[in-house]
Amino acid sequence: MSGTLSSTLAFILLAVSLLFFFIGFVSPYWLSGNISIFGNVWYGLWQTCYGILDECVHTDISTTQAWEKAVVAMEILGFMTLIGSCVMASLTYFRSSTTRRKLFRIITGLLAIIAGGFMFLGLIIFGAEYDDTFLQLSWAFSFMIIAAITSIVSGVLFILDIKSNQIMFEE
């Protein structure tokens, strides 16, 4: 295992991004609020929970609106590119030879930035389209924002590590 301080920090931020993404993505707490006939309500991409019923209902993709499908698509694309970035970072950090390390870090950085872009695009669509009459943005939505920001910062750090010629070539 070898790397500079900035590439190590980038690797850690990438792992943090993946953790925050996973928690935010699967949680039914993108929106929360109180609707008189249902009591407390929590909404996520995959299910909606009703306090008065004490149960959660899974989202039926056939009945969701187009913008909700777009959010899911953007977040899944963000997840796939984030996983790709994590794989490339692992190859860079643990297995790559000195000749491939620079290329792997560039690819890792670009994938992390693209992942953050997909995540932000999904968040922008969601934020612009949800009905805020009864429900407000909640903590899982914030986790997704943190995941997108840390992914982009990680990608920038990987690329800046190349630009500043700080790469240590160790075998």
Protein backbone atom coordinates (compact mmCIF):
# COMPACT_ATOMS: atom_id res chain seq x y z
CA MET A 1 0.00 0.00 0.00
CA SER A 2 1.46 3.34 -1.01
CA GLY A 3 0.32 6.86 -1.54
CA THR A 4 0.58 10.46 -0.55
CA LEU A 5 -1.40 12.21 2.13
CA SER A 6 -3.83 13.67 -0.42
CA SER A 7 -4.42 10.32 -2.13
CA THR A 8 -4.96 8.65 1.25
CA LEU A 9 -7.44 11.37 2.21
CA ALA A 10 -9.14 10.96 -1.19
CA PHE A 11 -9.43 7.21 -0.62
CA ILE A 12 -10.96 7.75 2.84
CA LEU A 13 -13.41 10.36 1.47
CA LEU A 14 -14.42 7.92 -1.24
CA ALA A 15 -15.22 5.29 1.40
CA VAL A 16 -17.16 7.89 3.43
CA SER A 17 -19.09 8.84 0.31
CA LEU A 18 -20.03 5.22 -0.31
CA LEU A 19 -21.18 4.79 3.29
CA PHE A 20 -23.31 7.96 3.30
CA PHE A 21 -24.71 7.10 -0.13
CA PHE A 22 -25.76 3.62 0.91
CA ILE A 23 -27.46 4.79 4.12
CA GLY A 24 -29.22 7.69 2.38
CA PHE A 25 -30.22 5.74 -0.71
CA VAL A 26 -32.01 2.90 1.06
CA SER A 27 -33.56 4.91 3.90
CA PRO A 28 -37.23 5.94 3.80
CA TYR A 29 -36.35 9.34 5.27
CA TRP A 30 -35.85 11.59 2.24
CA LEU A 31 -38.99 13.44 3.31
CA SER A 32 -40.78 13.55 6.63
CA GLY A 33 -43.80 15.32 8.00
CA ASN A 34 -47.23 15.01 9.52
CA ILE A 35 -50.37 14.42 7.48
CA SER A 36 -53.53 14.54 9.57
CA ILE A 37 -55.10 11.30 8.31
CA PHE A 38 -51.84 9.30 8.38
CA GLY A 39 -49.97 10.88 11.29
CA ASN A 40 -46.22 11.00 10.83
CA VAL A 41 -45.13 10.09 7.30
CA TRP A 42 -41.66 9.25 6.03
CA TYR A 43 -40.93 8.98 2.32
CA GLY A 44 -37.96 7.42 0.54
CA LEU A 45 -37.19 6.26 -2.97
CA TRP A 46 -38.22 2.68 -2.20
CA GLN A 47 -40.92 2.91 0.44
CA THR A 48 -43.26 5.20 2.35
CA CYS A 49 -43.89 4.71 6.06
CA TYR A 50 -47.03 5.79 7.89
CA GLY A 51 -46.95 6.32 11.66
CA ILE A 52 -50.67 5.72 12.18
CA LEU A 53 -50.54 2.41 10.30
CA ASP A 54 -47.23 1.46 11.92
CA GLU A 55 -46.01 0.00 8.63
CA CYS A 56 -44.14 0.83 5.45
CA VAL A 57 -45.44 0.37 1.92
CA HIS A 58 -43.01 -0.44 -0.86
CA THR A 59 -43.03 1.91 -3.83
CA ASP A 60 -44.63 0.44 -6.96
CA ILE A 61 -42.47 1.59 -9.87
CA SER A 62 -45.45 1.40 -12.24
CA THR A 63 -47.30 4.10 -10.29
CA THR A 64 -44.41 6.49 -9.70
CA GLN A 65 -44.14 9.73 -11.59
CA ALA A 66 -41.56 10.29 -14.31
CA TRP A 67 -39.47 12.62 -12.16
CA GLU A 68 -39.27 9.97 -9.41
CA LYS A 69 -38.01 7.45 -11.96
CA ALA A 70 -35.45 10.01 -13.14
CA VAL A 71 -34.23 10.50 -9.56
CA VAL A 72 -33.86 6.74 -9.08
CA ALA A 73 -32.03 6.43 -12.42
CA MET A 74 -29.60 9.25 -11.59
CA GLU A 75 -28.89 7.86 -8.13
CA ILE A 76 -28.32 4.35 -9.50
CA LEU A 77 -25.94 5.74 -12.14
CA GLY A 78 -24.20 7.65 -9.35
CA PHE A 79 -23.92 4.46 -7.31
CA MET A 80 -22.50 2.45 -10.22
CA THR A 81 -19.85 5.06 -11.02
CA LEU A 82 -19.04 5.41 -7.32
CA ILE A 83 -18.48 1.65 -7.12
CA GLY A 84 -16.30 1.88 -10.24
CA SER A 85 -14.30 4.64 -8.62
CA CYS A 86 -13.87 2.56 -5.45
CA VAL A 87 -12.66 -0.42 -7.48
CA MET A 88 -10.19 1.76 -9.38
CA ALA A 89 -9.02 3.39 -6.14
CA SER A 90 -8.44 -0.04 -4.62
CA LEU A 91 -6.49 -1.16 -7.67
CA THR A 92 -4.47 2.05 -7.56
CA TYR A 93 -3.82 1.85 -3.87
CA PHE A 94 -3.14 -1.84 -3.42
CA ARG A 95 -2.26 -3.53 -6.71
CA SER A 96 -1.11 -1.23 -9.48
CA SER A 97 2.40 -1.02 -10.83
CA THR A 98 4.12 2.35 -11.02
CA THR A 99 3.41 2.65 -14.74
CA ARG A 100 -0.34 2.33 -14.27
CA ARG A 101 -0.76 4.25 -11.03
CA LYS A 102 -1.06 7.68 -12.66
CA LEU A 103 -3.66 6.50 -15.20
CA PHE A 104 -5.63 4.67 -12.50
CA ARG A 105 -5.72 7.77 -10.30
CA ILE A 106 -6.97 9.92 -13.17
CA ILE A 107 -9.72 7.39 -13.94
CA THR A 108 -10.55 7.09 -10.23
CA GLY A 109 -10.83 10.86 -9.89
CA LEU A 110 -12.97 11.25 -12.99
CA LEU A 111 -15.32 8.45 -11.95
CA ALA A 112 -15.70 9.98 -8.48
CA ILE A 113 -16.53 13.40 -9.96
CA ILE A 114 -19.00 11.86 -12.43
CA ALA A 115 -20.61 9.88 -9.57
CA GLY A 116 -21.05 13.06 -7.57
CA GLY A 117 -22.52 14.76 -10.62
CA PHE A 118 -25.10 12.01 -11.12
CA MET A 119 -25.97 12.14 -7.42
CA PHE A 120 -26.39 15.92 -7.50
CA LEU A 121 -28.51 15.72 -10.64
CA GLY A 122 -30.86 13.27 -8.91
CA LEU A 123 -30.97 15.48 -5.82
CA ILE A 124 -31.73 18.58 -7.88
CA ILE A 125 -34.58 16.81 -9.67
CA PHE A 126 -35.96 15.56 -6.36
CA GLY A 127 -35.64 18.93 -4.65
CA ALA A 128 -37.32 20.74 -7.52
CA GLU A 129 -40.22 18.33 -7.97
CA TYR A 130 -41.35 17.08 -4.56
CA ASP A 131 -44.49 18.61 -3.07
CA ASP A 132 -43.53 20.46 0.10
CA THR A 133 -47.12 21.06 1.21
CA PHE A 134 -47.01 18.41 3.94
CA LEU A 135 -43.53 16.88 3.85
CA GLN A 136 -40.11 18.47 4.34
CA LEU A 137 -36.66 17.28 3.29
CA SER A 138 -35.18 15.00 5.93
CA TRP A 139 -31.87 13.51 7.02
CA ALA A 140 -31.48 10.83 4.32
CA PHE A 141 -31.63 13.57 1.67
CA SER A 142 -28.86 15.35 3.60
CA PHE A 143 -26.82 12.14 3.64
CA MET A 144 -27.08 12.02 -0.14
CA ILE A 145 -25.81 15.61 -0.36
CA ILE A 146 -22.86 14.68 1.85
CA ALA A 147 -22.18 11.62 -0.34
CA ALA A 148 -22.18 13.73 -3.50
CA ILE A 149 -19.89 16.40 -2.02
CA THR A 150 -17.39 13.91 -0.60
CA SER A 151 -17.35 12.01 -3.90
CA ILE A 152 -16.52 15.16 -5.86
CA VAL A 153 -13.91 16.31 -3.33
CA SER A 154 -12.35 12.85 -3.44
CA GLY A 155 -12.17 12.95 -7.23
CA VAL A 156 -10.59 16.40 -7.20
CA LEU A 157 -8.00 15.25 -4.65
CA PHE A 158 -7.10 12.23 -6.79
CA ILE A 159 -6.61 14.45 -9.83
CA LEU A 160 -4.74 17.18 -7.93
CA ASP A 161 -2.43 14.50 -6.58
CA ILE A 162 -1.42 13.80 -10.18
CA LYS A 163 -1.12 17.49 -11.09
CA SER A 164 1.10 18.34 -8.15
CA ASN A 165 3.54 15.52 -9.03
CA GLN A 166 3.31 14.15 -5.51
CA ILE A 167 2.91 10.56 -6.61
CA MET A 168 5.43 8.36 -4.89
CA PHE A 169 6.54 5.44 -6.96
CA GLU A 170 7.09 2.58 -4.58
CA GLU A 171 7.31 -1.07 -5.38
